[in-house]
Protein backbone atom coordinates (compact mmCIF):
# COMPACT_ATOMS: atom_id res chain seq x y z
CA MET A 1 -6.52 36.82 -7.39
CA ASN A 2 -8.99 39.43 -8.61
CA SER A 3 -12.73 39.28 -9.24
CA LEU A 4 -12.32 37.41 -12.56
CA ASP A 5 -10.30 34.66 -10.86
CA TRP A 6 -12.92 34.40 -8.13
CA VAL A 7 -15.67 34.04 -10.74
CA VAL A 8 -13.78 31.11 -12.31
CA LEU A 9 -13.21 29.47 -8.92
CA ILE A 10 -16.77 29.92 -7.66
CA GLY A 11 -18.14 28.78 -11.02
CA TYR A 12 -16.09 25.60 -10.74
CA PHE A 13 -17.44 24.87 -7.27
CA GLY A 14 -20.98 25.44 -8.54
CA VAL A 15 -20.54 23.02 -11.44
CA MET A 16 -19.18 20.32 -9.10
CA ILE A 17 -22.21 20.64 -6.84
CA ALA A 18 -24.56 20.60 -9.83
CA ILE A 19 -23.01 17.37 -11.12
CA GLY A 20 -23.43 15.78 -7.71
CA ILE A 21 -27.10 16.74 -7.54
CA TRP A 22 -27.68 15.48 -11.11
CA SER A 23 -25.98 12.19 -10.23
CA HIS A 24 -28.39 11.71 -7.34
CA LYS A 25 -31.05 10.30 -9.66
CA ARG A 26 -28.68 7.50 -10.74
CA VAL A 27 -28.25 6.24 -7.17
CA ASP A 28 -30.99 3.90 -5.93
CA ASN A 29 -29.04 1.50 -3.71
CA VAL A 30 -25.63 0.85 -2.15
CA SER A 31 -24.38 -0.88 -5.31
CA ASP A 32 -25.07 2.30 -7.30
CA PHE A 33 -23.47 4.41 -4.59
CA PHE A 34 -20.28 2.35 -4.31
CA THR A 35 -19.79 0.64 -7.70
CA ALA A 36 -22.06 2.58 -10.11
CA GLY A 37 -24.10 -0.61 -10.49
CA GLY A 38 -21.43 -2.01 -12.83
CA ARG A 39 -22.54 0.37 -15.60
CA MET A 40 -19.61 2.78 -15.86
CA PRO A 41 -18.02 3.02 -19.36
CA TRP A 42 -14.39 1.87 -19.47
CA TRP A 43 -13.09 5.25 -20.69
CA LEU A 44 -14.82 7.11 -17.86
CA SER A 45 -13.48 4.58 -15.38
CA GLY A 46 -9.96 5.02 -16.78
CA ILE A 47 -10.04 8.81 -16.55
CA SER A 48 -11.54 8.58 -13.07
CA HIS A 49 -8.88 6.07 -12.03
CA HIS A 50 -6.17 8.46 -13.22
CA MET A 51 -7.66 11.58 -11.65
CA SER A 52 -8.29 9.94 -8.29
CA GLY A 53 -4.63 8.92 -8.06
CA TYR A 54 -3.06 12.28 -7.24
CA SER A 55 -3.90 15.59 -5.66
CA ALA A 56 -2.64 19.11 -4.98
CA VAL A 57 0.41 17.50 -3.38
CA MET A 58 1.54 17.35 -7.02
CA PHE A 59 1.69 21.17 -6.97
CA THR A 60 3.24 21.50 -3.50
CA GLY A 61 5.36 18.56 -2.36
CA TYR A 62 6.26 17.17 -5.78
CA ALA A 63 6.68 20.67 -7.17
CA GLY A 64 9.31 21.14 -4.47
CA ILE A 65 11.08 17.95 -5.54
CA ALA A 66 11.00 19.10 -9.18
CA TYR A 67 12.39 22.50 -8.17
CA GLN A 68 15.25 21.00 -6.16
CA TYR A 69 16.12 17.84 -8.10
CA GLY A 70 14.58 18.19 -11.58
CA VAL A 71 13.41 15.28 -13.73
CA THR A 72 13.76 12.76 -10.93
CA SER A 73 10.29 13.96 -9.86
CA PHE A 74 8.90 12.19 -12.95
CA VAL A 75 11.27 9.23 -13.07
CA THR A 76 10.75 8.23 -9.45
CA TRP A 77 7.05 9.08 -9.16
CA SER A 78 4.70 9.00 -12.15
CA LEU A 79 6.80 6.67 -14.31
CA PRO A 80 6.72 3.78 -11.81
CA ILE A 81 3.00 4.39 -11.30
CA ALA A 82 2.41 4.12 -15.06
CA ILE A 83 4.42 0.89 -15.23
CA GLY A 84 2.70 -0.52 -12.16
CA ILE A 85 -0.80 0.17 -13.50
CA GLY A 86 0.24 -1.36 -16.84
CA ILE A 87 1.21 -4.54 -14.98
CA GLY A 88 -2.02 -4.46 -13.01
CA ALA A 89 -4.11 -4.13 -16.17
CA GLN A 90 -3.41 -7.79 -16.83
CA LEU A 91 -2.94 -9.06 -13.29
CA PHE A 92 -5.45 -7.29 -11.04
CA ALA A 93 -8.02 -5.20 -12.94
CA PRO A 94 -10.14 -8.08 -14.34
CA ARG A 95 -10.07 -9.94 -11.03
CA LEU A 96 -11.21 -6.89 -9.11
CA ASN A 97 -14.09 -6.47 -11.54
CA ARG A 98 -15.17 -10.06 -10.89
CA LEU A 99 -15.51 -9.26 -7.18
CA ARG A 100 -18.62 -7.30 -8.13
CA SER A 101 -19.85 -9.22 -11.15
CA ARG A 102 -19.40 -12.74 -9.75
CA LEU A 103 -19.22 -12.42 -5.96
CA HIS A 104 -21.70 -9.52 -6.00
CA VAL A 105 -19.95 -7.41 -3.35
CA ALA A 106 -20.13 -3.63 -2.94
CA SER A 107 -16.87 -3.10 -1.01
CA PRO A 108 -13.38 -4.13 -2.18
CA LEU A 109 -12.75 -5.84 1.16
CA GLU A 110 -16.08 -7.64 1.37
CA TYR A 111 -14.67 -10.78 -0.26
CA LEU A 112 -12.03 -11.14 2.48
CA LYS A 113 -14.48 -12.72 4.93
CA ASN A 114 -14.75 -15.64 2.51
CA ARG A 115 -11.15 -15.62 1.30
CA TYR A 116 -9.76 -15.55 4.86
CA ASN A 117 -12.07 -14.89 7.81
CA ILE A 118 -13.77 -12.07 9.72
CA PRO A 119 -10.74 -11.11 11.91
CA THR A 120 -8.53 -10.69 8.83
CA GLN A 121 -11.14 -8.56 7.12
CA GLN A 122 -11.48 -6.37 10.21
CA ALA A 123 -7.73 -5.93 10.68
CA LEU A 124 -7.26 -4.73 7.11
CA ALA A 125 -10.41 -2.59 7.20
CA TRP A 126 -9.61 -0.73 10.42
CA SER A 127 -5.93 -0.14 9.66
CA GLY A 128 -6.71 1.02 6.13
CA LEU A 129 -9.43 3.35 7.38
CA LEU A 130 -7.10 5.03 9.90
CA LEU A 131 -4.34 5.37 7.30
CA LYS A 132 -6.73 6.96 4.82
CA ILE A 133 -7.82 9.56 7.35
CA VAL A 134 -4.17 10.65 7.61
CA ASP A 135 -3.64 10.44 3.84
CA VAL A 136 -6.68 12.52 2.94
CA GLY A 137 -5.88 14.94 5.75
CA ALA A 138 -2.56 15.63 4.00
CA LYS A 139 -4.45 16.29 0.76
CA TRP A 140 -6.76 18.83 2.42
CA ALA A 141 -3.73 20.56 3.96
CA ALA A 142 -2.01 20.72 0.57
CA ILE A 143 -4.90 22.40 -1.22
CA ALA A 144 -5.54 24.75 1.71
CA THR A 145 -1.87 25.78 1.62
CA LEU A 146 -2.21 26.72 -2.03
CA LEU A 147 -5.47 28.55 -1.41
CA SER A 148 -3.84 30.59 1.37
CA VAL A 149 -1.06 31.67 -1.03
CA PHE A 150 -3.52 32.99 -3.60
CA THR A 151 -6.31 34.38 -1.43
CA GLY A 152 -4.79 35.08 1.96
CA ILE A 153 -7.40 33.06 3.85
CA SER A 154 -6.18 30.77 6.62
CA ILE A 155 -5.37 27.10 6.06
CA THR A 156 -8.21 26.09 8.39
CA GLN A 157 -10.70 28.17 6.40
CA GLY A 158 -9.41 26.66 3.15
CA ILE A 159 -9.83 23.13 4.51
CA PHE A 160 -13.39 23.91 5.59
CA ILE A 161 -14.42 25.42 2.24
CA THR A 162 -13.03 22.67 0.01
CA GLY A 163 -14.13 19.90 2.34
CA CYS A 164 -17.73 21.09 2.55
CA ILE A 165 -18.08 21.48 -1.22
CA THR A 166 -16.62 18.01 -1.78
CA ALA A 167 -18.95 16.59 0.87
CA VAL A 168 -22.02 17.88 -0.98
CA TYR A 169 -21.42 16.26 -4.35
CA CYS A 170 -19.84 12.97 -3.27
CA THR A 171 -22.42 12.34 -0.53
CA VAL A 172 -25.39 13.05 -2.81
CA GLY A 173 -24.19 11.31 -5.98
CA GLY A 174 -21.85 8.53 -4.80
CA LEU A 175 -19.37 7.00 -7.25
CA TRP A 176 -21.26 8.34 -10.26
CA ALA A 177 -20.76 11.89 -8.98
CA ASP A 178 -17.09 11.17 -8.28
CA ALA A 179 -16.46 9.87 -11.79
CA LEU A 180 -18.40 12.58 -13.61
CA THR A 181 -16.80 15.40 -11.62
CA GLU A 182 -13.41 13.81 -12.25
CA LEU A 183 -14.13 13.89 -15.98
CA GLY A 184 -14.89 17.61 -15.73
CA GLN A 185 -11.84 18.12 -13.55
CA PHE A 186 -9.68 16.33 -16.13
CA VAL A 187 -10.83 18.74 -18.84
CA ILE A 188 -10.14 21.73 -16.57
CA GLN A 189 -6.72 20.41 -15.63
CA LEU A 190 -5.93 19.83 -19.30
CA LEU A 191 -6.64 23.48 -20.07
CA ALA A 192 -4.84 24.77 -16.97
CA GLY A 193 -1.78 22.55 -17.47
CA VAL A 194 -1.37 23.57 -21.11
CA ALA A 195 -1.83 27.24 -20.17
CA MET A 196 0.93 27.01 -17.57
CA LEU A 197 3.23 25.15 -19.98
CA VAL A 198 2.80 27.76 -22.73
CA THR A 199 3.27 30.65 -20.28
CA ALA A 200 6.46 29.19 -18.81
CA MET A 201 7.95 28.60 -22.27
CA SER A 202 7.02 32.11 -23.41
CA GLU A 203 9.00 33.53 -20.46
CA LEU A 204 12.09 31.63 -21.63
CA ASP A 205 12.83 30.72 -25.26
CA GLY A 206 9.38 29.99 -26.60
CA VAL A 207 8.80 26.57 -28.16
CA SER A 208 12.54 25.98 -28.35
CA THR A 209 12.56 25.93 -24.54
CA LEU A 210 11.65 22.25 -24.85
CA TRP A 211 15.21 21.49 -26.00
CA THR A 212 17.27 24.56 -24.99
CA VAL A 213 16.39 24.85 -21.30
CA TRP A 214 18.31 21.80 -20.11
CA ASP A 215 21.76 23.43 -20.21
CA LYS A 216 20.47 26.39 -18.22
CA LEU A 217 19.03 24.42 -15.32
CA PRO A 218 20.96 23.84 -12.08
CA GLU A 219 23.57 21.08 -12.09
CA GLY A 220 22.09 17.61 -11.73
CA HIS A 221 18.60 18.77 -12.74
CA THR A 222 18.51 16.30 -15.64
CA ASP A 223 19.71 13.30 -13.62
CA PRO A 224 17.02 10.60 -13.52
CA THR A 225 17.70 9.95 -9.84
CA ALA A 226 19.00 12.50 -7.34
CA GLY A 227 19.15 13.28 -3.63
CA PRO A 228 17.23 10.76 -1.52
CA TYR A 229 15.40 9.54 -4.64
CA THR A 230 17.92 6.90 -5.68
CA VAL A 231 17.73 3.89 -7.99
CA THR A 232 16.92 1.76 -4.95
CA PHE A 233 14.10 4.15 -4.08
CA LEU A 234 12.83 3.95 -7.67
CA LEU A 235 12.69 0.15 -7.59
CA ALA A 236 11.06 0.17 -4.17
CA TYR A 237 8.52 2.74 -5.32
CA LEU A 238 7.67 0.69 -8.41
CA PHE A 239 7.09 -2.33 -6.19
CA ILE A 240 4.89 -0.36 -3.80
CA LYS A 241 2.87 1.50 -6.43
CA THR A 242 2.10 -1.70 -8.36
CA PHE A 243 0.10 -2.79 -5.33
CA GLU A 244 -1.15 0.62 -4.26
CA TYR A 245 -2.52 1.87 -7.59
CA ASN A 246 -4.06 -1.45 -8.61
CA GLY A 247 -6.37 -1.72 -5.64
CA GLY A 248 -4.28 -1.24 -2.52
CA MET A 249 -5.84 2.21 -2.54
CA TRP A 250 -9.41 0.98 -2.35
CA ASN A 251 -10.80 3.84 -4.41
CA GLN A 252 -8.72 2.60 -7.36
CA ALA A 253 -10.20 -0.89 -6.98
CA GLN A 254 -13.69 0.61 -7.12
CA ARG A 255 -13.02 2.01 -10.60
CA TYR A 256 -12.33 -1.48 -11.91
CA MET A 257 -15.32 -2.90 -10.07
CA ALA A 258 -17.60 -0.26 -11.60
CA THR A 259 -17.01 -1.27 -15.23
CA GLU A 260 -19.40 -3.65 -16.94
CA SER A 261 -16.93 -6.51 -17.47
CA ALA A 262 -13.42 -7.78 -16.77
CA ALA A 263 -12.36 -6.84 -20.31
CA ALA A 264 -13.63 -3.29 -19.78
CA ALA A 265 -11.71 -3.07 -16.49
CA LYS A 266 -8.54 -4.07 -18.34
CA ARG A 267 -9.08 -1.33 -20.94
CA SER A 268 -9.73 1.15 -18.16
CA ALA A 269 -6.40 0.31 -16.52
CA ARG A 270 -4.51 0.65 -19.80
CA LEU A 271 -5.98 4.11 -20.37
CA SER A 272 -5.02 5.19 -16.87
CA ALA A 273 -1.46 3.88 -17.36
CA ALA A 274 -1.11 5.83 -20.62
CA LEU A 275 -2.32 9.02 -18.93
CA TRP A 276 0.18 8.54 -16.09
CA LEU A 277 2.97 8.15 -18.64
CA VAL A 278 2.15 11.26 -20.69
CA TRP A 279 0.21 13.85 -18.73
CA PRO A 280 2.59 14.40 -15.75
CA THR A 281 5.37 15.45 -18.14
CA VAL A 282 3.17 18.39 -19.21
CA LEU A 283 2.59 19.36 -15.59
CA PHE A 284 6.21 18.84 -14.53
CA PHE A 285 7.95 20.78 -17.30
CA PRO A 286 7.13 24.24 -15.86
CA MET A 287 8.19 22.94 -12.43
CA TRP A 288 11.56 21.86 -13.83
CA CYS A 289 11.99 25.36 -15.29
CA ALA A 290 10.92 27.05 -12.04
CA PRO A 291 14.49 27.76 -10.74
CA LEU A 292 14.94 30.04 -13.77
CA LEU A 293 11.67 31.89 -13.13
CA VAL A 294 11.08 32.23 -9.36
CA HIS A 295 12.90 31.97 -6.06
CA ALA A 296 11.18 29.57 -3.64
CA GLN A 297 10.68 30.92 -0.13
CA LYS A 298 10.12 27.65 1.74
CA PRO A 299 13.06 25.33 2.52
CA ASP A 300 11.40 22.42 0.71
CA ALA A 301 10.40 24.68 -2.23
CA SER A 302 6.79 23.51 -1.92
CA ASP A 303 5.63 27.05 -2.69
CA SER A 304 7.52 27.28 -6.00
CA TYR A 305 4.65 26.39 -8.33
CA ALA A 306 2.21 28.67 -6.54
CA LEU A 307 4.68 31.57 -6.76
CA MET A 308 5.29 30.90 -10.44
CA THR A 309 1.58 30.77 -11.16
CA GLU A 310 0.91 34.01 -9.30
CA GLN A 311 3.75 35.88 -11.00
CA LEU A 312 3.35 34.66 -14.58
CA LEU A 313 -0.32 34.13 -15.33
CA PRO A 314 -2.85 36.85 -16.16
CA HIS A 315 -6.07 37.04 -14.21
CA GLY A 316 -8.63 34.55 -15.46
CA LEU A 317 -5.93 32.03 -16.35
CA LEU A 318 -4.69 32.31 -12.77
CA GLY A 319 -8.15 31.33 -11.58
CA LEU A 320 -8.21 28.44 -14.03
CA VAL A 321 -4.91 27.05 -12.73
CA VAL A 322 -6.09 27.41 -9.13
CA VAL A 323 -9.18 25.44 -10.16
CA GLY A 324 -6.78 22.83 -11.56
CA PHE A 325 -5.21 22.53 -8.11
CA PHE A 326 -8.60 21.92 -6.59
CA SER A 327 -9.61 19.43 -9.26
CA HIS A 328 -6.94 16.91 -8.34
CA THR A 329 -7.40 17.15 -4.59
CA MET A 330 -11.18 17.00 -4.67
CA ALA A 331 -11.04 14.05 -7.07
CA MET A 332 -8.84 12.00 -4.77
CA CYS A 333 -10.52 13.00 -1.51
CA SER A 334 -14.05 12.33 -2.75
CA SER A 335 -13.11 8.95 -4.20
CA ASP A 336 -11.33 7.99 -0.97
CA ALA A 337 -14.38 9.03 1.02
CA ASN A 338 -16.60 6.78 -1.09
CA ALA A 339 -14.23 3.83 -0.72
CA ILE A 340 -13.95 4.25 3.04
CA ALA A 341 -17.74 4.52 3.37
CA ALA A 342 -18.04 1.24 1.43
CA VAL A 343 -15.60 -0.50 3.75
CA PHE A 344 -17.23 0.89 6.87
CA THR A 345 -20.84 0.12 5.95
CA ARG A 346 -20.19 -3.24 4.28
CA ASP A 347 -17.29 -4.63 6.32
CA ILE A 348 -17.03 -2.92 9.71
CA ALA A 349 -20.56 -1.91 10.73
CA PRO A 350 -22.10 -5.41 10.28
CA VAL A 351 -19.54 -6.82 12.71
CA LEU A 352 -20.13 -4.09 15.27
CA SER A 353 -23.93 -4.02 15.06
CA LYS A 354 -26.59 -6.66 14.50
CA ALA A 355 -28.91 -3.93 13.20
CA ALA A 356 -26.42 -3.11 10.44
CA ARG A 357 -26.65 -6.69 9.17
CA ASP A 358 -30.37 -6.17 8.58
CA TRP A 359 -30.17 -2.83 6.75
CA GLY A 360 -32.50 -2.61 3.80
CA SER A 361 -31.80 -0.66 0.63
CA ARG A 362 -32.88 2.69 2.04
CA ALA A 363 -31.16 2.28 5.41
CA GLY A 364 -27.97 1.04 3.76
CA LEU A 365 -27.88 4.04 1.43
CA LEU A 366 -28.42 6.44 4.32
CA ALA A 367 -25.61 4.76 6.28
CA ALA A 368 -23.34 5.07 3.24
CA ARG A 369 -23.95 8.80 2.99
CA LEU A 370 -23.50 9.39 6.73
CA SER A 371 -20.27 7.37 6.70
CA THR A 372 -18.98 9.50 3.84
CA LEU A 373 -19.68 12.67 5.82
CA GLY A 374 -18.05 11.21 8.92
CA PHE A 375 -14.85 10.30 7.09
CA LEU A 376 -14.60 13.71 5.45
CA GLY A 377 -15.11 15.43 8.81
CA LEU A 378 -12.38 13.40 10.54
CA SER A 379 -9.88 13.91 7.73
CA MET A 380 -10.57 17.65 7.67
CA ALA A 381 -10.03 17.88 11.43
CA LEU A 382 -6.72 16.03 11.11
CA ALA A 383 -5.66 18.28 8.22
CA THR A 384 -5.41 21.21 10.60
CA GLN A 385 -2.63 19.29 12.42
CA ILE A 386 -0.74 18.02 9.38
CA ASN A 387 2.23 20.36 9.89
CA SER A 388 2.55 19.53 13.58
CA PRO A 389 5.70 17.79 14.89
CA THR A 390 3.87 14.46 14.76
CA PHE A 391 3.38 14.56 10.99
CA LYS A 392 6.28 16.89 10.07
CA ASP A 393 5.01 18.17 6.72
CA ILE A 394 2.76 17.31 3.81
CA ILE A 395 5.21 15.44 1.61
CA SER A 396 6.55 13.23 4.43
CA VAL A 397 3.01 12.10 5.24
CA VAL A 398 2.25 11.25 1.63
CA ILE A 399 5.54 9.56 0.73
CA LYS A 400 6.59 7.95 3.99
CA TRP A 401 3.38 7.17 5.86
CA VAL A 402 1.18 6.18 2.95
CA ALA A 403 3.83 4.34 0.91
CA GLY A 404 5.23 2.62 4.00
CA LEU A 405 1.94 1.52 5.53
CA MET A 406 -0.05 0.75 2.39
CA GLY A 407 2.00 -2.36 1.57
CA PRO A 408 1.18 -4.48 4.64
CA ILE A 409 -2.51 -3.71 4.15
CA ALA A 410 -2.46 -4.34 0.39
CA ILE A 411 -0.49 -7.62 0.34
CA PRO A 412 -3.22 -9.93 1.75
CA PHE A 413 -5.94 -8.09 -0.16
CA MET A 414 -4.24 -8.10 -3.57
CA LEU A 415 -2.39 -11.43 -3.51
CA GLY A 416 -5.48 -13.09 -2.10
CA LEU A 417 -7.02 -12.61 -5.56
CA LEU A 418 -4.44 -14.83 -7.29
CA ARG A 419 -4.46 -18.60 -7.67
CA GLY A 420 -0.72 -18.83 -6.97
CA PHE A 421 -1.25 -17.73 -3.37
CA ARG A 422 -4.23 -19.92 -2.52
CA ARG A 423 -2.25 -21.73 0.22
CA SER A 424 -1.88 -18.47 2.17
CA GLY A 425 -4.79 -18.21 4.58
CA PRO A 426 -5.77 -16.17 7.66
CA THR A 427 -2.55 -16.88 9.57
CA ALA A 428 -0.36 -15.73 6.68
CA ALA A 429 -2.53 -12.65 6.15
CA LEU A 430 -2.60 -11.52 9.77
CA VAL A 431 1.05 -12.24 10.57
CA SER A 432 2.28 -10.51 7.40
CA TRP A 433 0.03 -7.52 8.11
CA ALA A 434 1.14 -7.13 11.74
CA ALA A 435 4.83 -7.67 10.96
CA GLY A 436 4.70 -5.07 8.18
CA LEU A 437 3.18 -2.44 10.48
CA LEU A 438 5.82 -3.15 13.13
CA ALA A 439 8.56 -2.95 10.50
CA PHE A 440 7.30 0.49 9.47
CA TYR A 441 7.41 1.71 13.05
CA PHE A 442 10.89 0.44 13.86
CA THR A 443 12.44 1.67 10.60
CA ASN A 444 11.04 5.15 11.23
CA TYR A 445 10.99 5.54 15.02
CA ASP A 446 12.91 4.56 18.15
CA PHE A 447 11.31 2.88 21.14
CA ASP A 448 10.65 6.27 22.75
CA GLY A 449 8.78 7.49 19.66
CA SER A 450 11.48 9.83 18.39
CA ALA A 451 12.01 9.80 14.62
CA LYS A 452 15.07 8.04 13.23
CA THR A 453 17.35 10.09 11.00
CA ASP A 454 19.87 7.43 9.96
CA VAL A 455 17.60 5.21 7.81
CA ALA A 456 17.43 5.92 4.07
CA LEU A 457 14.01 6.84 2.66
CA GLN A 458 13.87 3.84 0.33
CA TYR A 459 14.20 1.46 3.27
CA GLN A 460 11.64 3.33 5.31
CA VAL A 461 8.99 2.86 2.64
CA ALA A 462 10.03 -0.51 1.15
CA LEU A 463 10.94 -2.72 4.11
CA PRO A 464 7.38 -2.99 5.51
CA LEU A 465 6.02 -4.24 2.19
CA ALA A 466 8.98 -6.58 1.58
CA ILE A 467 8.63 -8.15 5.03
CA SER A 468 4.88 -8.56 4.57
CA LEU A 469 5.36 -10.19 1.18
CA VAL A 470 8.00 -12.67 2.37
CA LEU A 471 5.97 -13.70 5.41
CA TYR A 472 2.72 -14.00 3.44
CA VAL A 473 4.33 -16.39 0.95
CA ALA A 474 6.48 -18.32 3.47
CA ILE A 475 3.68 -18.95 5.96
CA GLY A 476 1.46 -20.14 3.12
CA PHE A 477 3.99 -22.90 2.38
CA ILE A 478 4.73 -23.72 6.01
CA ARG A 479 1.12 -23.63 7.20
CA PRO A 480 -1.22 -23.97 4.20
CA GLU A 481 -4.83 -23.07 4.95
CA ASP A 482 -6.53 -23.61 1.61
CA THR A 483 -10.01 -25.14 1.86
CA PRO A 484 -12.62 -26.06 -0.78
CA GLU A 485 -14.62 -22.95 0.15
CA ARG A 486 -11.64 -20.62 -0.17
CA ASP A 487 -10.52 -22.31 -3.38
CA ALA A 488 -14.01 -21.78 -4.77
CA VAL A 489 -13.80 -18.04 -4.07
CA ILE A 490 -10.44 -17.82 -5.83
CA GLU A 491 -11.66 -19.84 -8.80
CA ARG A 492 -14.64 -17.54 -9.34
CA ILE A 493 -12.34 -14.51 -9.40
CA ASN A 494 -9.79 -16.11 -11.73
CA SER A 495 -11.90 -17.96 -14.31
CA ASP A 496 -11.74 -16.34 -17.74
CA GLY A 497 -14.56 -14.91 -19.81
CA ASP A 498 -17.20 -12.31 -19.24
CA GLY A 499 -20.13 -14.65 -18.87
CA ASP A 500 -22.03 -15.75 -15.78
CA GLY A 501 -22.81 -12.34 -14.45
CA ASP A 502 -19.69 -10.55 -15.61
CA GLY A 503 -21.56 -7.89 -17.54
CA PRO A 504 -24.56 -5.70 -16.79
CA ALA A 505 -26.87 -8.14 -18.51
CA GLY A 506 -25.61 -11.19 -16.66
CA GLY A 507 -26.45 -12.55 -13.22
CA VAL A 508 -27.61 -9.85 -10.85
CA ALA A 509 -25.60 -7.02 -12.36
CA GLY A 510 -28.55 -5.90 -14.41
CA ALA A 511 -29.78 -2.52 -15.49
CA ALA A 512 -30.94 -1.73 -11.98
CA GLY A 513 -27.46 -2.37 -10.54
CA ALA A 514 -25.88 -5.35 -8.90
CA THR A 515 -27.79 -6.89 -6.04
CA VAL A 516 -25.69 -6.84 -2.91
CA PRO A 517 -25.98 -9.89 -0.65
CA ALA A 518 -26.95 -9.65 2.98
CA GLN A 519 -24.07 -8.62 5.18
CA ALA A 520 -22.52 -11.24 7.37
CA GLY A 521 -21.88 -10.92 11.06
CA PRO A 522 -19.18 -12.41 13.27
CA GLY A 523 -18.68 -16.12 12.96
CA HIS A 524 -20.23 -16.66 9.55
CA THR A 525 -19.89 -15.53 5.96
CA ALA A 526 -22.14 -15.33 2.94
CA VAL A 527 -20.58 -17.11 -0.02
CA THR A 528 -22.29 -16.05 -3.23
CA GLU A 529 -24.67 -18.43 -4.95
CA ASN A 530 -23.63 -20.53 -7.93
CA MET A 531 -20.02 -20.62 -6.76
CA ARG A 532 -18.00 -23.15 -8.70
CA ASP A 533 -16.02 -25.54 -6.51
CA VAL A 534 -12.55 -25.77 -8.05
CA LYS A 535 -12.05 -29.30 -6.75
CA GLY A 536 -15.32 -30.73 -7.99
CA ALA A 537 -15.68 -28.51 -11.08
CA LYS A 538 -19.43 -28.29 -10.53
CA ASP A 539 -21.83 -25.57 -9.48
CA VAL A 540 -22.53 -25.27 -5.80
CA LYS A 541 -26.06 -23.87 -5.60
CA GLY A 542 -27.14 -21.64 -2.74
CA VAL A 543 -24.09 -21.92 -0.55
CA ASN A 544 -24.70 -19.46 2.28
CA ASP A 545 -23.59 -18.97 5.85
CA VAL A 546 -20.53 -21.17 5.61
CA THR A 547 -19.12 -21.36 9.12
CA GLU A 548 -15.41 -20.72 9.25
């Protein structure tokens, strides 16, 4: 990188901070900070949902897969995500929106204390928080690895720089800052991705590269599945990502919650699915051609895209592509930080502290910002250890740990939204969660903690979710725990239409943002007012503090 590239990079960082500061004036309470007050346009939500779904791991770990195995990087990664989000557009997106518009919650997990009970909510919240620290730590390590290739600074210095800049804008501006910076990052990535595509083709056969390159690539490069990424892995990944990208990753759920209505959330999901289907092919094509252009130095070829960028692009464009790397990582990390802060301040802190249950608007907003900083600090500290023997390398953390552990956490949260699983209560949720976590451990590690090498990747990531799903459904039939109060919660989430508080003009989701109910402590919950009892089909006015 020369001075022109540095100008582009520093200018990008400055714009991100400026957007965060500008967004500050739109944040008056915790609802604004965590769900944009239900006023986010569907198209902005859709772009934000897409951008917050992947990071610089795309240009390191997945670039290595593309270099070694070819088109399987698309077929077994972004394609199942696109299909999964398309399914979720109908199944989950509108229901997640109704969590805010009808139950008036600010955290995706806040409804769990009514749907199940406090212990279930806490189990999912704590395990998800710890997993996200590891996940985001991998993202920081990925972008710092790329930065070290281009600038020569250490990985630790790269983590510190990117983390601090992200902390400024997402802490000041909340979800609004996340979404608006992600819009800017999408535009930058569009320019950078097209620039890299054109440059790679010009080094080969020009435009005709699109159809002539395939015979020149290494053998098996055009196979839809290859290496450890088999058909079984593809099906398992589709299963996992349908849950993960429709709300299992809490930051994705927030995007649906932030739209003005259930119909808008559905449109947002469809836009995100379309972007996942089309845009990754533009990014992946130069990676598929990389064996003809560069020789990767690392065994996993995770440096191939960085080497190609450095060798092929002129200065200025090089800086733009490096900015593109940052755009994805900062988008995901900032959105994860906001989601984790929501879960901590709305779900965990009120159980740990009586004072937290009495936070006013100002105190709650301060706690949200401090929680965001705390999460970013912990994930950055862990990022410095991401290549240690415990975590192996970046791609194993992202694929194995996150995909394998996300399922047991997501199953009770996601299926708890649906009428068909109303019989599954706290016992089903907790047993399925615990069994899934144990399944992950014993498919990946021996009793002494040493990693297993004889279990296929698809089983390592799919078995925990499959076991959780089977137990969640089976226990619901064997030991049903549906009650009128729990049925009422489910009915409010599932009833059609955008009335009764579904839009910004309805209920409490007005122009000033949705009013968030008082937080509940151990032993009681706060069921939202005007909840319709499914059994009696009549309004239940002022139902609060229902003892479980």
